[in-house]
Amino acid sequence: MQLIKKLGYFCAFSLPLLLLAGYYLGTGWLFMLPIFVFFIVPLIDILLGTDTSNIAEPPSVAAEFYYLFLLYFWALIQSVLLIWACYEVTFANWNLFQWVGMVLGMGIITGGIGITVAHELGHKKSAAERFLSKVLLSEVCYTQFYIEHNRGHHVHVGTPSDPATSRKNESFYRFWKRSVFEGFSHAWKIENERLAKKGQATFSFSNEMLGLTLAPLVLAAVFTLVFSLMRADFVWEVPVFFFAQSIFAFSLLEGVNYIEHYGLMRKELAPNKYEKVNTLHSWNSSQLLSNFFLFQLQRHSDHHIFPARRYQVLDHHDESPQLPTGYPGMLLLAMIPPIWFRVMNKKLEEWEGKVKS
């Protein structure tokens, strides 16, 4: 089983191949990537079922470079693919279907998998891993996530202070607006408070949010300049494509954020003092295939208990609230609030009954 799991994580690398195949096969084929992710993967998830097994001896597996190599390799593949896409939009004169297909396909790759990899790398102490996390987040214009997620969400999850915790009866669309804009301002607040404690100025080289905010803009400007020089004309298509795929990419992230903690609030023990985060404060899914694609992000409760624990040794917890299917299928439900509320509010009420008893 361990060998199957080791090889299973290569599933994620099928998505760039599907994008390339769809692009060169012709316009209609471009949509086979989103169809595969949002319809075929959930179906296979149902057929294969769940894997609730945990690794018996995690220390040796956690230290195995193979698993880190997959993340590094993904960072390389994604960056090369983004440059290729910018080249194609510069010279290929896309029609509307190609624009839509490429924005959706690239957004799935940079957002669905890329931000997942950035999330994993950003929790580690290694300077190389943290740098790659910032690079991947720069490619989707969501660099504030590096600060807000690590120093905001993980501290305030399950409380009204956390923009990334969705509330009961809150639709995804309302959540998206709050999480995106409040998350950005919260990241600035966190960094400003850190600087204030050290007696450093807000507008200085010490403010990490300044560099993180500028990084995607600089990247888009560099891409635009390089491809404009190559075509000997201003290439407006490059920044439009870059920002369009970014918006779709971080919207997928916010969809995942919406799913992971929907309605799961921590008990307030005293004013602004809450119970410690435990395995009951994240929705989990142990569907085998989607966990391969998402580097076990769906074992989210264990991640919140041990944020630095590497993806390959995250544990399944029976007591954690369980989603009916993996994230790809749940994202579809989240897009239709009445269906989402009908399915998830029932499960949430069951959870509320357990935590109150």
Protein backbone atom coordinates (compact mmCIF):
# COMPACT_ATOMS: atom_id res chain seq x y z
CA MET A 1 0.00 0.00 0.00
CA GLN A 2 2.84 2.39 0.79
CA LEU A 3 4.29 1.91 -2.70
CA ILE A 4 0.88 2.66 -4.23
CA LYS A 5 0.71 5.84 -2.20
CA LYS A 6 4.21 6.88 -3.23
CA LEU A 7 3.35 6.51 -6.89
CA GLY A 8 -0.16 7.89 -6.42
CA TYR A 9 1.11 11.41 -5.77
CA PHE A 10 2.21 11.55 -9.41
CA CYS A 11 -1.52 11.89 -10.25
CA ALA A 12 -1.20 15.66 -9.95
CA PHE A 13 1.24 15.72 -12.87
CA SER A 14 -1.44 14.37 -15.19
CA LEU A 15 -3.17 17.76 -15.15
CA PRO A 16 -0.45 19.68 -17.05
CA LEU A 17 -0.44 16.83 -19.60
CA LEU A 18 -4.21 17.13 -20.01
CA LEU A 19 -3.90 20.89 -20.53
CA LEU A 20 -1.21 20.48 -23.18
CA ALA A 21 -3.08 17.64 -24.90
CA GLY A 22 -6.32 19.61 -24.92
CA TYR A 23 -4.61 22.70 -26.31
CA TYR A 24 -2.94 20.93 -29.21
CA LEU A 25 -5.88 18.62 -29.99
CA GLY A 26 -8.14 21.60 -30.60
CA THR A 27 -10.47 24.10 -28.94
CA GLY A 28 -13.14 21.72 -27.65
CA TRP A 29 -10.59 19.43 -26.07
CA LEU A 30 -9.37 22.22 -23.79
CA PHE A 31 -12.34 21.61 -21.54
CA MET A 32 -11.42 18.00 -20.83
CA LEU A 33 -9.23 19.20 -17.93
CA PRO A 34 -12.05 20.87 -15.92
CA ILE A 35 -14.39 18.02 -16.87
CA PHE A 36 -11.86 15.51 -15.58
CA VAL A 37 -11.25 17.38 -12.32
CA PHE A 38 -14.82 18.25 -11.41
CA PHE A 39 -16.72 15.25 -12.80
CA ILE A 40 -14.44 12.28 -13.46
CA VAL A 41 -12.34 12.57 -10.27
CA PRO A 42 -15.43 12.77 -7.97
CA LEU A 43 -16.89 9.73 -9.76
CA ILE A 44 -13.67 7.75 -9.30
CA ASP A 45 -13.57 8.92 -5.67
CA ILE A 46 -16.96 7.24 -5.18
CA LEU A 47 -15.85 4.06 -6.92
CA LEU A 48 -12.51 3.73 -5.11
CA GLY A 49 -13.84 4.79 -1.71
CA THR A 50 -11.76 6.00 1.20
CA ASP A 51 -8.35 5.20 2.59
CA THR A 52 -8.29 5.69 6.37
CA SER A 53 -4.98 3.96 7.01
CA ASN A 54 -2.16 5.81 8.75
CA ILE A 55 1.55 5.23 8.38
CA ALA A 56 2.84 3.13 11.28
CA GLU A 57 6.38 4.55 11.31
CA PRO A 58 6.13 8.18 10.15
CA PRO A 59 9.63 9.51 11.11
CA SER A 60 11.49 7.73 8.30
CA VAL A 61 8.77 8.46 5.75
CA ALA A 62 8.60 12.11 6.81
CA ALA A 63 12.31 12.52 6.13
CA GLU A 64 12.29 10.82 2.73
CA PHE A 65 13.42 13.28 0.03
CA TYR A 66 11.23 11.65 -2.62
CA TYR A 67 8.14 13.41 -1.27
CA LEU A 68 9.85 16.81 -1.17
CA PHE A 69 11.20 16.26 -4.68
CA LEU A 70 7.61 15.96 -5.98
CA LEU A 71 6.83 19.42 -4.61
CA TYR A 72 10.00 20.93 -6.08
CA PHE A 73 9.26 19.26 -9.41
CA TRP A 74 5.73 20.65 -9.38
CA ALA A 75 7.04 24.18 -8.79
CA LEU A 76 9.28 23.80 -11.85
CA ILE A 77 6.54 22.32 -14.05
CA GLN A 78 4.03 25.02 -13.09
CA SER A 79 6.44 27.88 -13.76
CA VAL A 80 7.44 26.48 -17.15
CA LEU A 81 3.79 25.89 -18.06
CA LEU A 82 2.84 29.46 -17.15
CA ILE A 83 5.64 30.84 -19.34
CA TRP A 84 4.50 28.55 -22.17
CA ALA A 85 0.90 29.80 -21.81
CA CYS A 86 2.08 33.42 -21.95
CA TYR A 87 4.04 32.61 -25.10
CA GLU A 88 1.01 31.02 -26.72
CA VAL A 89 -1.33 33.88 -25.87
CA THR A 90 1.25 36.25 -27.35
CA PHE A 91 1.49 34.59 -30.75
CA ALA A 92 -1.49 32.25 -31.24
CA ASN A 93 -4.39 34.74 -31.56
CA TRP A 94 -6.79 32.78 -29.31
CA ASN A 95 -10.51 32.72 -29.91
CA LEU A 96 -13.03 33.05 -27.05
CA PHE A 97 -13.18 29.30 -26.38
CA GLN A 98 -9.41 29.10 -26.17
CA TRP A 99 -9.32 32.01 -23.75
CA VAL A 100 -11.93 30.43 -21.48
CA GLY A 101 -10.41 26.96 -21.71
CA MET A 102 -6.88 28.15 -21.00
CA VAL A 103 -7.90 30.40 -18.11
CA LEU A 104 -9.87 27.58 -16.50
CA GLY A 105 -7.21 24.95 -17.19
CA MET A 106 -4.27 27.05 -16.06
CA GLY A 107 -6.22 28.23 -13.01
CA ILE A 108 -6.92 24.62 -11.99
CA ILE A 109 -3.20 23.87 -12.25
CA THR A 110 -1.92 26.98 -10.46
CA GLY A 111 -4.78 27.16 -7.97
CA GLY A 112 -6.04 23.64 -7.44
CA ILE A 113 -2.58 22.09 -7.19
CA GLY A 114 -0.12 24.99 -7.17
CA ILE A 115 -1.53 26.76 -4.12
CA THR A 116 -1.81 23.39 -2.38
CA VAL A 117 1.92 22.88 -2.96
CA ALA A 118 2.65 26.47 -1.88
CA HIS A 119 0.63 25.86 1.28
CA GLU A 120 2.65 22.73 2.07
CA LEU A 121 6.00 24.42 1.44
CA GLY A 122 5.06 27.60 3.28
CA HIS A 123 4.62 25.74 6.57
CA LYS A 124 8.18 24.46 6.60
CA LYS A 125 11.32 26.00 8.16
CA SER A 126 13.57 25.51 5.14
CA ALA A 127 14.40 28.78 3.36
CA ALA A 128 14.26 27.02 -0.01
CA GLU A 129 10.78 25.65 0.63
CA ARG A 130 9.48 29.00 1.84
CA PHE A 131 10.97 30.76 -1.17
CA LEU A 132 9.27 28.36 -3.58
CA SER A 133 6.01 28.85 -1.71
CA LYS A 134 6.24 32.59 -2.35
CA VAL A 135 7.10 32.03 -6.03
CA LEU A 136 4.03 29.83 -6.54
CA LEU A 137 1.80 32.31 -4.73
CA SER A 138 3.23 35.15 -6.85
CA GLU A 139 2.10 33.27 -9.95
CA VAL A 140 -1.52 33.53 -8.76
CA CYS A 141 -1.40 37.02 -7.20
CA TYR A 142 -2.13 35.64 -3.73
CA THR A 143 1.05 36.25 -1.80
CA GLN A 144 -0.75 37.61 1.28
CA PHE A 145 -1.80 34.00 1.89
CA TYR A 146 1.76 33.28 3.08
CA ILE A 147 1.27 35.57 6.09
CA GLU A 148 -2.48 35.43 6.61
CA HIS A 149 -2.66 31.64 6.52
CA ASN A 150 0.36 30.84 8.67
CA ARG A 151 0.09 33.60 11.25
CA GLY A 152 -3.62 34.43 11.01
CA HIS A 153 -5.78 31.47 10.00
CA HIS A 154 -3.89 28.90 12.08
CA VAL A 155 -4.22 31.13 15.15
CA HIS A 156 -7.84 32.23 14.74
CA VAL A 157 -9.44 29.29 12.88
CA GLY A 158 -12.95 28.53 14.05
CA THR A 159 -13.48 32.01 15.55
CA PRO A 160 -15.19 35.20 14.29
CA SER A 161 -11.72 36.76 13.93
CA ASP A 162 -10.76 34.40 11.09
CA PRO A 163 -11.78 35.59 7.59
CA ALA A 164 -11.06 32.09 6.22
CA THR A 165 -13.57 30.28 8.46
CA SER A 166 -16.94 30.12 6.72
CA ARG A 167 -20.03 30.61 8.88
CA LYS A 168 -23.14 28.46 9.01
CA ASN A 169 -25.65 29.52 6.31
CA GLU A 170 -23.03 31.71 4.62
CA SER A 171 -22.89 31.11 0.87
CA PHE A 172 -19.60 30.61 -0.91
CA TYR A 173 -20.06 33.87 -2.81
CA ARG A 174 -20.50 35.94 0.34
CA PHE A 175 -17.60 34.09 1.94
CA TRP A 176 -15.36 34.73 -1.10
CA LYS A 177 -15.78 38.48 -0.83
CA ARG A 178 -15.08 38.53 2.90
CA SER A 179 -12.18 36.10 2.84
CA VAL A 180 -10.39 37.72 -0.12
CA PHE A 181 -10.57 41.34 1.02
CA GLU A 182 -10.48 40.89 4.79
CA GLY A 183 -7.73 38.30 4.39
CA PHE A 184 -5.60 40.83 2.52
CA SER A 185 -6.14 43.57 5.10
CA HIS A 186 -5.62 41.09 7.94
CA ALA A 187 -2.25 40.09 6.51
CA TRP A 188 -1.17 43.75 6.54
CA LYS A 189 -2.40 44.09 10.12
CA ILE A 190 -0.46 41.03 11.24
CA GLU A 191 2.75 42.27 9.63
CA ASN A 192 2.30 45.83 10.93
CA GLU A 193 1.82 44.51 14.46
CA ARG A 194 5.00 42.44 14.14
CA LEU A 195 6.97 45.50 13.03
CA ALA A 196 5.47 47.67 15.77
CA LYS A 197 6.63 45.22 18.44
CA LYS A 198 10.16 45.51 17.04
CA GLY A 199 9.97 49.29 16.80
CA GLN A 200 10.34 49.19 13.00
CA ALA A 201 8.60 51.40 10.46
CA THR A 202 5.68 50.09 8.43
CA PHE A 203 7.15 51.28 5.14
CA SER A 204 10.57 49.70 5.26
CA PHE A 205 12.47 46.78 3.79
CA SER A 206 11.56 44.86 6.96
CA ASN A 207 7.87 44.80 5.98
CA GLU A 208 7.42 41.46 4.25
CA MET A 209 3.98 42.38 2.97
CA LEU A 210 5.46 45.14 0.80
CA GLY A 211 7.60 42.67 -1.11
CA LEU A 212 4.85 40.05 -1.23
CA THR A 213 2.33 42.57 -2.59
CA LEU A 214 4.71 43.84 -5.27
CA ALA A 215 5.98 40.41 -6.37
CA PRO A 216 2.99 39.41 -8.58
CA LEU A 217 2.89 42.89 -10.16
CA VAL A 218 6.60 42.72 -10.94
CA LEU A 219 6.19 39.22 -12.35
CA ALA A 220 3.31 40.30 -14.60
CA ALA A 221 5.31 43.35 -15.73
CA VAL A 222 8.36 41.22 -16.57
CA PHE A 223 6.27 38.73 -18.56
CA THR A 224 4.58 41.59 -20.42
CA LEU A 225 7.88 43.31 -21.20
CA VAL A 226 9.64 40.16 -22.39
CA PHE A 227 6.83 39.01 -24.68
CA SER A 228 6.20 42.55 -25.93
CA LEU A 229 9.84 42.73 -26.99
CA MET A 230 9.55 39.33 -28.66
CA ARG A 231 6.51 40.46 -30.66
CA ALA A 232 7.80 44.02 -31.14
CA ASP A 233 4.46 45.32 -29.94
CA PHE A 234 2.67 45.82 -26.62
CA VAL A 235 1.19 42.45 -25.65
CA TRP A 236 -1.95 43.26 -23.65
CA GLU A 237 -2.96 39.59 -23.77
CA VAL A 238 -0.23 38.53 -21.32
CA PRO A 239 -1.30 40.62 -18.30
CA VAL A 240 -4.98 39.90 -19.02
CA PHE A 241 -4.30 36.16 -19.09
CA PHE A 242 -1.99 36.31 -16.06
CA PHE A 243 -4.52 38.10 -13.87
CA ALA A 244 -7.53 36.14 -15.20
CA GLN A 245 -5.98 32.75 -14.37
CA SER A 246 -4.87 34.17 -11.02
CA ILE A 247 -8.41 35.19 -10.08
CA PHE A 248 -9.76 31.76 -10.98
CA ALA A 249 -6.86 30.09 -9.16
CA PHE A 250 -7.31 31.89 -5.85
CA SER A 251 -11.08 31.51 -6.15
CA LEU A 252 -10.49 27.75 -6.13
CA LEU A 253 -8.39 28.22 -2.99
CA GLU A 254 -11.20 30.16 -1.36
CA GLY A 255 -13.59 27.39 -2.36
CA VAL A 256 -11.37 24.95 -0.49
CA ASN A 257 -11.18 27.33 2.50
CA TYR A 258 -14.98 27.50 2.47
CA ILE A 259 -15.26 23.71 2.54
CA GLU A 260 -12.58 22.99 5.14
CA HIS A 261 -14.14 24.75 8.14
CA TYR A 262 -17.77 25.42 7.21
CA GLY A 263 -19.66 26.22 10.42
CA LEU A 264 -17.11 24.57 12.73
CA MET A 265 -16.68 27.16 15.46
CA ARG A 266 -14.58 26.77 18.59
CA LYS A 267 -16.18 27.25 22.01
CA GLU A 268 -15.61 30.67 23.56
CA LEU A 269 -14.35 30.02 27.10
CA ALA A 270 -14.05 33.71 28.01
CA PRO A 271 -14.28 36.98 26.03
CA ASN A 272 -11.95 36.51 22.99
CA LYS A 273 -10.51 33.31 24.50
CA TYR A 274 -11.35 30.06 22.75
CA GLU A 275 -10.81 26.36 23.29
CA LYS A 276 -7.68 24.89 21.74
CA VAL A 277 -7.94 23.74 18.13
CA ASN A 278 -8.58 20.01 17.96
CA THR A 279 -9.51 17.35 15.42
CA LEU A 280 -13.19 18.39 15.52
CA HIS A 281 -12.55 21.80 13.93
CA SER A 282 -11.92 20.79 10.30
CA TRP A 283 -13.97 18.88 7.75
CA ASN A 284 -12.00 15.91 6.44
CA SER A 285 -12.15 13.64 3.44
CA SER A 286 -10.13 10.47 3.05
CA GLN A 287 -11.13 9.75 -0.55
CA LEU A 288 -8.12 8.01 -2.06
CA LEU A 289 -7.81 9.64 -5.49
CA SER A 290 -8.48 13.28 -4.63
CA ASN A 291 -6.01 13.02 -1.74
CA PHE A 292 -3.36 11.91 -4.24
CA PHE A 293 -4.06 14.97 -6.36
CA LEU A 294 -4.08 17.32 -3.37
CA PHE A 295 -1.11 15.86 -1.47
CA GLN A 296 -3.43 14.82 1.39
CA LEU A 297 -4.67 18.35 2.05
CA GLN A 298 -8.05 16.75 2.78
CA ARG A 299 -6.65 15.26 6.01
CA HIS A 300 -7.05 18.77 7.28
CA SER A 301 -7.65 18.19 10.98
CA ASP A 302 -4.24 16.60 11.46
CA HIS A 303 -2.67 19.49 9.58
CA HIS A 304 -4.17 22.00 12.03
CA ILE A 305 -2.91 20.02 15.00
CA PHE A 306 0.56 19.63 13.48
CA PRO A 307 1.01 22.42 10.88
CA ALA A 308 4.63 21.53 10.12
CA ARG A 309 3.89 17.82 9.59
CA ARG A 310 4.64 16.76 6.03
CA TYR A 311 1.78 15.78 3.78
CA GLN A 312 2.81 12.14 3.36
CA VAL A 313 2.44 11.38 7.08
CA LEU A 314 -0.77 13.25 7.86
CA ASP A 315 -3.18 11.04 9.81
CA HIS A 316 -6.83 10.25 9.32
CA HIS A 317 -8.96 10.80 12.46
CA ASP A 318 -12.24 8.92 12.80
CA GLU A 319 -13.62 11.51 15.22
CA SER A 320 -13.18 14.38 12.75
CA PRO A 321 -16.30 15.46 10.84
CA GLN A 322 -16.22 13.79 7.43
CA LEU A 323 -17.26 15.25 4.08
CA PRO A 324 -19.50 13.16 1.83
CA THR A 325 -16.86 13.25 -0.92
CA GLY A 326 -13.51 14.85 -1.82
CA TYR A 327 -12.85 18.53 -2.45
CA PRO A 328 -13.50 18.45 -6.24
CA GLY A 329 -17.04 17.17 -5.72
CA MET A 330 -17.63 19.46 -2.74
CA LEU A 331 -16.57 22.48 -4.80
CA LEU A 332 -19.39 21.76 -7.21
CA LEU A 333 -21.87 21.61 -4.31
CA ALA A 334 -20.53 24.87 -2.90
CA MET A 335 -21.32 26.64 -6.19
CA ILE A 336 -25.03 25.92 -5.63
CA PRO A 337 -25.88 27.26 -2.14
CA PRO A 338 -29.34 25.63 -1.72
CA ILE A 339 -27.89 22.17 -2.39
CA TRP A 340 -24.84 22.91 -0.24
CA PHE A 341 -26.97 24.00 2.71
CA ARG A 342 -29.27 20.99 2.35
CA VAL A 343 -26.33 18.56 2.46
CA MET A 344 -23.93 20.28 4.84
CA ASN A 345 -26.27 21.87 7.37
CA LYS A 346 -27.59 18.42 8.26
CA LYS A 347 -24.04 17.17 8.83
CA LEU A 348 -23.17 20.35 10.72
CA GLU A 349 -26.14 19.89 13.05
CA GLU A 350 -24.95 16.36 13.79
CA TRP A 351 -21.51 17.79 14.63
CA GLU A 352 -23.08 20.45 16.87
CA GLY A 353 -24.98 17.75 18.72
CA LYS A 354 -21.75 15.83 19.39
CA VAL A 355 -19.71 18.77 20.64
CA LYS A 356 -22.52 19.92 22.95
CA SER A 357 -23.10 16.48 24.49
